[in-house]
Protein backbone atom coordinates (compact mmCIF):
# COMPACT_ATOMS: atom_id res chain seq x y z
CA MET A 1 68.31 -30.10 -20.48
CA SER A 2 65.14 -28.97 -18.72
CA SER A 3 65.27 -25.74 -16.57
CA ALA A 4 63.97 -27.73 -13.72
CA GLU A 5 67.22 -29.86 -13.52
CA PRO A 6 69.47 -28.68 -10.88
CA SER A 7 73.02 -27.36 -11.67
CA ARG A 8 76.06 -28.17 -9.66
CA GLU A 9 77.46 -24.78 -9.61
CA LYS A 10 74.67 -22.23 -10.28
CA PRO A 11 73.60 -20.14 -7.14
CA ILE A 12 70.20 -19.30 -5.92
CA ILE A 13 69.95 -15.47 -6.09
CA VAL A 14 67.38 -13.53 -3.87
CA GLY A 15 66.79 -9.92 -4.69
CA VAL A 16 66.36 -7.67 -1.54
CA ASP A 17 65.56 -4.17 -0.76
CA GLU A 18 65.09 -1.99 2.23
CA GLY A 19 61.25 -2.68 2.59
CA PRO A 20 59.46 -4.95 5.07
CA GLY A 21 59.43 -8.69 4.87
CA GLN A 22 62.85 -9.08 3.51
CA GLU A 23 63.93 -11.20 6.34
CA HIS A 24 61.37 -13.88 5.43
CA LEU A 25 62.51 -13.65 1.83
CA VAL A 26 66.09 -14.36 2.64
CA LEU A 27 65.12 -17.15 4.90
CA PHE A 28 63.11 -18.76 2.23
CA ALA A 29 65.94 -18.54 -0.16
CA ALA A 30 68.40 -19.95 2.23
CA ARG A 31 66.19 -22.97 2.87
CA GLU A 32 65.82 -23.39 -0.94
CA ALA A 33 69.56 -23.26 -1.28
CA ALA A 34 69.99 -25.82 1.33
CA LEU A 35 67.56 -28.06 -0.28
CA ARG A 36 69.31 -27.98 -3.58
CA GLY A 37 72.86 -27.99 -2.09
CA ARG A 38 73.57 -24.71 -3.91
CA PRO A 39 75.36 -21.37 -2.72
CA LEU A 40 73.10 -18.42 -1.80
CA HIS A 41 73.82 -15.06 -3.30
CA ILE A 42 72.03 -12.04 -1.74
CA ALA A 43 71.70 -9.22 -4.31
CA HIS A 44 70.86 -5.66 -3.64
CA ALA A 45 70.88 -3.44 -6.74
CA ILE A 46 72.26 0.01 -6.57
CA PRO A 47 70.76 2.59 -8.84
CA LEU A 48 73.15 4.45 -11.33
CA PRO A 49 73.58 8.11 -10.74
CA LEU A 50 71.05 10.15 -12.61
CA SER A 51 72.38 13.48 -13.98
CA GLY A 52 70.40 16.63 -13.80
CA LEU A 53 68.69 15.78 -10.43
CA VAL A 54 69.02 17.50 -7.12
CA GLY A 55 71.69 15.89 -4.92
CA GLY A 56 74.09 15.16 -7.95
CA PRO A 57 75.89 11.86 -8.62
CA ASP A 58 76.80 11.28 -5.11
CA ASP A 59 73.34 9.90 -4.51
CA GLY A 60 74.04 6.71 -6.32
CA GLY A 61 77.07 4.93 -7.69
CA GLU A 62 79.41 2.63 -5.85
CA GLY A 63 80.67 5.22 -3.25
CA GLY A 64 77.38 7.08 -2.60
CA PRO A 65 74.90 6.99 0.35
CA ALA A 66 72.65 4.34 -1.41
CA ALA A 67 75.67 2.00 -1.82
CA ARG A 68 76.69 2.40 1.92
CA GLU A 69 73.20 1.82 3.01
CA GLY A 70 72.84 -1.21 0.88
CA ALA A 71 75.95 -2.64 2.12
CA HIS A 72 74.78 -2.34 5.66
CA HIS A 73 71.50 -4.08 4.76
CA LEU A 74 73.25 -6.88 2.81
CA ARG A 75 75.62 -7.49 5.85
CA ARG A 76 72.50 -7.96 8.07
CA PHE A 77 70.82 -10.41 5.50
CA GLU A 78 74.24 -12.34 5.10
CA ASP A 79 74.47 -12.81 8.89
CA LEU A 80 70.85 -13.83 9.12
CA ALA A 81 71.20 -16.43 6.45
CA ARG A 82 74.27 -18.01 7.84
CA SER A 83 72.85 -18.02 11.30
CA ALA A 84 69.52 -19.79 10.30
CA VAL A 85 71.00 -22.09 7.56
CA PRO A 86 74.73 -22.61 8.43
CA GLU A 87 75.26 -25.28 5.99
CA VAL A 88 74.79 -22.98 3.03
CA THR A 89 77.65 -20.88 1.58
CA VAL A 90 76.38 -17.26 1.41
CA ALA A 91 77.74 -14.43 -0.58
CA GLY A 92 76.52 -10.68 -1.00
CA GLU A 93 76.22 -8.86 -4.21
CA LEU A 94 75.80 -5.17 -4.84
CA PRO A 95 75.45 -4.79 -8.53
CA LEU A 96 75.04 -1.30 -10.17
CA GLY A 97 71.89 -0.83 -12.22
CA HIS A 98 68.23 -1.28 -12.50
CA ALA A 99 67.03 -4.09 -10.23
CA ALA A 100 64.99 -5.89 -12.67
CA ALA A 101 67.74 -5.61 -15.59
CA VAL A 102 70.33 -6.86 -12.98
CA LEU A 103 68.40 -9.83 -11.94
CA VAL A 104 67.52 -10.93 -15.37
CA GLU A 105 71.08 -10.68 -16.55
CA ARG A 106 72.11 -12.77 -13.42
CA SER A 107 69.46 -15.33 -14.33
CA ARG A 108 71.46 -16.71 -17.17
CA ASP A 109 73.90 -18.16 -14.56
CA ALA A 110 71.54 -18.82 -11.71
CA GLU A 111 69.74 -22.11 -10.56
CA MET A 112 66.89 -19.81 -9.39
CA ILE A 113 65.65 -16.32 -8.58
CA VAL A 114 63.88 -15.54 -5.46
CA ILE A 115 62.15 -12.12 -5.19
CA GLY A 116 59.41 -10.52 -3.05
CA HIS A 117 55.98 -9.76 -4.58
CA ARG A 118 56.37 -6.09 -3.84
CA GLY A 119 60.19 -5.81 -3.74
CA SER A 120 61.86 -2.77 -5.33
CA GLY A 121 65.31 -4.39 -5.24
CA GLY A 122 67.19 -1.30 -4.47
CA PHE A 123 65.14 1.04 -6.65
CA PRO A 124 62.54 2.15 -4.00
CA ARG A 125 60.16 4.40 -6.39
CA LEU A 126 59.33 1.69 -8.83
CA PRO A 127 55.45 1.03 -9.33
CA LEU A 128 53.97 -1.73 -7.23
CA GLY A 129 55.39 -5.08 -8.20
CA SER A 130 57.07 -3.91 -11.22
CA VAL A 131 60.49 -5.58 -10.49
CA SER A 132 58.87 -8.86 -9.49
CA TRP A 133 56.69 -8.69 -12.68
CA GLN A 134 59.70 -8.07 -14.99
CA VAL A 135 61.74 -10.68 -13.42
CA ALA A 136 59.07 -13.31 -13.63
CA THR A 137 58.41 -12.66 -17.22
CA HIS A 138 61.97 -12.16 -18.45
CA ALA A 139 64.28 -14.47 -16.42
CA GLN A 140 66.02 -17.42 -18.00
CA CYS A 141 65.84 -19.59 -15.15
CA PRO A 142 62.82 -20.35 -12.72
CA VAL A 143 61.75 -17.47 -10.41
CA ILE A 144 59.97 -17.85 -7.05
CA VAL A 145 57.83 -14.94 -6.12
CA VAL A 146 57.25 -14.76 -2.32
CA ARG A 147 54.23 -12.75 -1.06
CA PRO A 148 54.49 -10.85 2.13
CA GLY A 149 53.49 -13.39 5.13
CA ALA A 150 53.76 -16.34 2.62
CA ALA A 151 57.21 -17.46 3.24
CA GLU A 152 57.43 -21.18 3.75
CA GLU A 153 57.96 -22.44 7.11
CA PRO A 154 59.11 -26.05 7.17
CA ASP A 155 56.99 -27.23 10.05
CA ARG A 156 53.82 -25.56 9.54
CA PRO A 157 50.57 -27.51 8.32
CA GLY A 158 50.44 -27.95 4.60
CA ALA A 159 54.31 -27.55 4.27
CA GLY A 160 54.24 -31.18 2.73
CA ARG A 161 52.34 -30.37 -0.35
CA VAL A 162 53.40 -28.81 -3.69
CA VAL A 163 50.79 -27.66 -6.24
CA VAL A 164 51.28 -27.41 -10.03
CA GLY A 165 48.96 -25.98 -12.53
CA VAL A 166 48.88 -28.24 -15.59
CA ASP A 167 47.48 -27.62 -18.88
CA THR A 168 47.17 -30.26 -21.79
CA GLY A 169 47.99 -27.67 -24.37
CA ASP A 170 51.48 -27.07 -22.81
CA ALA A 171 53.84 -29.15 -24.88
CA SER A 172 56.95 -28.66 -22.64
CA LEU A 173 55.40 -29.30 -19.25
CA ASP A 174 58.47 -27.65 -17.72
CA ALA A 175 56.33 -26.52 -14.78
CA LEU A 176 55.58 -30.19 -13.97
CA ASP A 177 59.21 -31.16 -14.28
CA LEU A 178 60.07 -28.29 -11.78
CA ALA A 179 57.16 -29.27 -9.35
CA TYR A 180 58.42 -32.67 -9.29
CA VAL A 181 62.09 -31.70 -8.36
CA GLU A 182 60.57 -29.24 -5.77
CA ALA A 183 58.33 -32.02 -4.06
CA GLU A 184 61.05 -34.50 -4.12
CA LEU A 185 63.51 -31.95 -2.34
CA ARG A 186 60.92 -31.23 0.24
CA GLY A 187 59.64 -34.73 0.55
CA ALA A 188 56.20 -33.37 -0.15
CA ARG A 189 53.16 -34.79 -2.09
CA LEU A 190 52.50 -33.25 -5.42
CA GLU A 191 49.07 -32.18 -6.49
CA LEU A 192 48.46 -31.63 -10.12
CA VAL A 193 45.68 -29.23 -10.72
CA HIS A 194 43.72 -28.80 -14.04
CA GLY A 195 40.85 -26.39 -14.51
CA ALA A 196 38.64 -28.07 -17.10
CA PHE A 197 35.82 -26.44 -19.10
CA SER A 198 32.38 -26.53 -17.63
CA PRO A 199 29.00 -25.87 -19.55
CA GLY A 200 28.57 -22.29 -17.95
CA MET A 201 31.99 -21.38 -19.41
CA VAL A 202 30.45 -22.07 -23.09
CA PRO A 203 28.72 -19.04 -24.80
CA THR A 204 25.12 -19.81 -25.97
CA GLY A 205 25.34 -20.70 -29.66
CA PRO A 206 22.63 -20.78 -32.48
CA ILE A 207 20.01 -23.29 -32.35
CA GLY A 208 20.98 -26.72 -33.21
CA MET A 209 24.51 -26.15 -32.15
CA VAL A 210 26.22 -29.40 -30.85
CA PRO A 211 27.38 -28.84 -27.30
CA PRO A 212 30.88 -30.06 -26.39
CA ASP A 213 31.05 -33.51 -25.06
CA PHE A 214 32.39 -32.73 -21.64
CA ALA A 215 32.94 -36.34 -20.55
CA THR A 216 35.13 -37.04 -23.38
CA LEU A 217 37.22 -33.81 -22.80
CA ASP A 218 37.54 -34.74 -19.10
CA GLN A 219 38.67 -38.14 -20.00
CA GLY A 220 41.04 -36.96 -22.57
CA ALA A 221 42.71 -34.65 -20.15
CA ARG A 222 42.87 -37.33 -17.43
CA ASP A 223 44.43 -39.77 -19.76
CA PHE A 224 47.09 -37.33 -20.95
CA LEU A 225 48.01 -36.13 -17.56
CA THR A 226 47.97 -39.60 -16.02
CA LYS A 227 50.41 -40.60 -18.79
CA GLU A 228 52.64 -37.77 -17.81
CA ILE A 229 52.75 -38.89 -14.11
CA ASP A 230 53.66 -42.36 -15.16
CA ARG A 231 56.48 -41.00 -17.38
CA ARG A 232 58.00 -39.44 -14.31
CA ARG A 233 57.29 -42.12 -11.74
CA HIS A 234 60.81 -43.81 -12.44
CA ARG A 235 62.64 -40.47 -12.09
CA HIS A 236 60.90 -39.43 -8.80
CA PRO A 237 59.83 -42.69 -7.18
CA ALA A 238 59.52 -40.99 -3.83
CA VAL A 239 56.88 -38.47 -5.01
CA GLN A 240 53.27 -39.14 -4.32
CA ALA A 241 51.42 -37.38 -7.33
CA GLU A 242 47.66 -36.86 -7.06
CA LEU A 243 45.62 -35.44 -10.05
CA ARG A 244 42.70 -32.99 -9.51
CA ILE A 245 40.46 -32.09 -12.38
CA GLU A 246 37.49 -29.55 -11.64
CA HIS A 247 35.23 -27.50 -13.80
CA THR A 248 36.15 -24.09 -12.92
CA ARG A 249 38.44 -21.24 -13.89
CA PRO A 250 42.09 -22.50 -13.74
CA ALA A 251 43.32 -19.31 -11.79
CA THR A 252 40.45 -19.58 -9.28
CA LEU A 253 41.24 -23.31 -8.73
CA LEU A 254 44.93 -22.65 -8.34
CA ALA A 255 44.38 -19.84 -5.81
CA GLU A 256 42.15 -22.11 -3.69
CA ALA A 257 44.65 -25.11 -3.98
CA SER A 258 47.52 -22.85 -2.89
CA ARG A 259 46.16 -22.45 0.62
CA ASP A 260 48.27 -24.05 3.11
CA ALA A 261 50.67 -25.31 0.36
CA SER A 262 54.38 -25.17 0.53
CA LEU A 263 54.78 -23.87 -3.16
CA LEU A 264 52.62 -23.22 -6.34
CA VAL A 265 54.32 -24.08 -9.72
CA VAL A 266 53.12 -22.57 -12.92
CA GLY A 267 54.49 -22.04 -16.40
CA SER A 268 55.12 -18.62 -17.92
CA ARG A 269 53.88 -19.57 -21.46
CA GLY A 270 55.72 -16.27 -22.61
CA ARG A 271 56.12 -15.33 -26.19
CA THR A 272 59.56 -15.45 -27.74
CA GLY A 273 60.95 -12.93 -30.28
CA LEU A 274 59.50 -9.90 -28.36
CA ARG A 275 61.16 -7.19 -26.39
CA ARG A 276 58.70 -7.63 -23.70
CA LEU A 277 57.45 -11.11 -22.60
CA LEU A 278 54.19 -11.75 -21.42
CA LEU A 279 52.81 -14.22 -18.71
CA GLY A 280 49.88 -16.20 -19.65
CA SER A 281 46.74 -14.96 -18.07
CA VAL A 282 46.52 -17.71 -15.46
CA SER A 283 49.97 -17.34 -14.31
CA ALA A 284 49.66 -13.73 -14.13
CA GLU A 285 46.63 -13.90 -11.93
CA VAL A 286 47.93 -16.39 -9.47
CA LEU A 287 50.90 -14.26 -8.88
CA HIS A 288 48.68 -11.83 -7.28
CA THR A 289 46.03 -14.21 -5.65
CA ALA A 290 48.06 -17.29 -4.54
CA GLU A 291 48.55 -17.73 -0.75
CA CYS A 292 51.93 -19.41 -0.86
CA PRO A 293 55.16 -18.60 -2.82
CA VAL A 294 54.67 -19.13 -6.66
CA ALA A 295 57.41 -20.61 -8.98
CA VAL A 296 57.33 -19.38 -12.46
CA THR A 297 59.18 -21.46 -15.01
CA PRO A 298 60.79 -19.71 -17.93
CA ALA A 299 59.38 -19.80 -21.49
CA PRO A 300 61.13 -22.21 -23.84
CA ASP A 301 63.93 -20.41 -25.62
CA ALA A 302 63.52 -17.26 -23.50
CA LEU A 303 64.67 -13.88 -24.95
CA ASP A 304 68.16 -13.03 -24.13
CA ALA A 305 67.73 -9.41 -23.88
CA ALA A 306 67.20 -7.75 -20.41
CA PRO A 307 63.79 -5.78 -19.76
CA ASP A 308 63.52 -2.15 -20.47
CA THR A 309 63.92 0.15 -17.64
CA PRO A 310 60.53 1.06 -16.26
CA ASP A 311 59.24 4.54 -17.43
CA GLY A 312 56.92 4.96 -14.53
CA GLY A 313 54.20 2.65 -15.89
């Protein structure tokens, strides 16, 4: 079954911390849970006690100050979600461990993970974005990364458009499947965006080199993607899909298309069989440049192992 297919039991999990913008993150996740008819779990990771440090073991663990402070924030976020989206069942989680590892582990049984772009998830001294990066590259379910100020507002202009980056070389097209699901849930139109080669992207070759036939390449991409749209029409008859092909860098095109969009969906194209998975260059760039929340689909046969705990890099 595709990772985009909703489950009847799996929750939406949102990872929160003490930083700014967490209320918007929780509200986004609560609305996503309402759209999918799923329960919402709000998770705040509590770091394990570190021996040999000033302050001793009471600084962390289930009974330490970090846990008590985390429980306080968790109650506030639970109340916010229940008040704003009362039809959603809300539960809190205070797992022990490194935030990224906890969320990746939970992704095995989750419908979706929602996390902030800069969120530390209960481990406040991690490098910028390290938790979001690790979860997006290692999770076994789709991950939505919400940039500060980019949380979806249902009634704002542009909220009726979902954008998906499509590549004719992506055999799985899981990102396209997820985008159709998200567009249908939102009652939104779907914009398929493909950045094609342009003459300026081709390096100068030796005299007599035959240049690529760009018209043929464009038509081939259009035919392939139109066929994929037609294949999904019967499954999602209410979704109006449009195809946009332009001669520009894919990441630049997707960043532009994300303006005023409800959601941007990309594939991870991660490698399997490696301890550390890697996002494709386009997906990695748009996580930093998109102006709306970004959904990342997991790589096929994603690695089961959780990410290594960051060592400060």
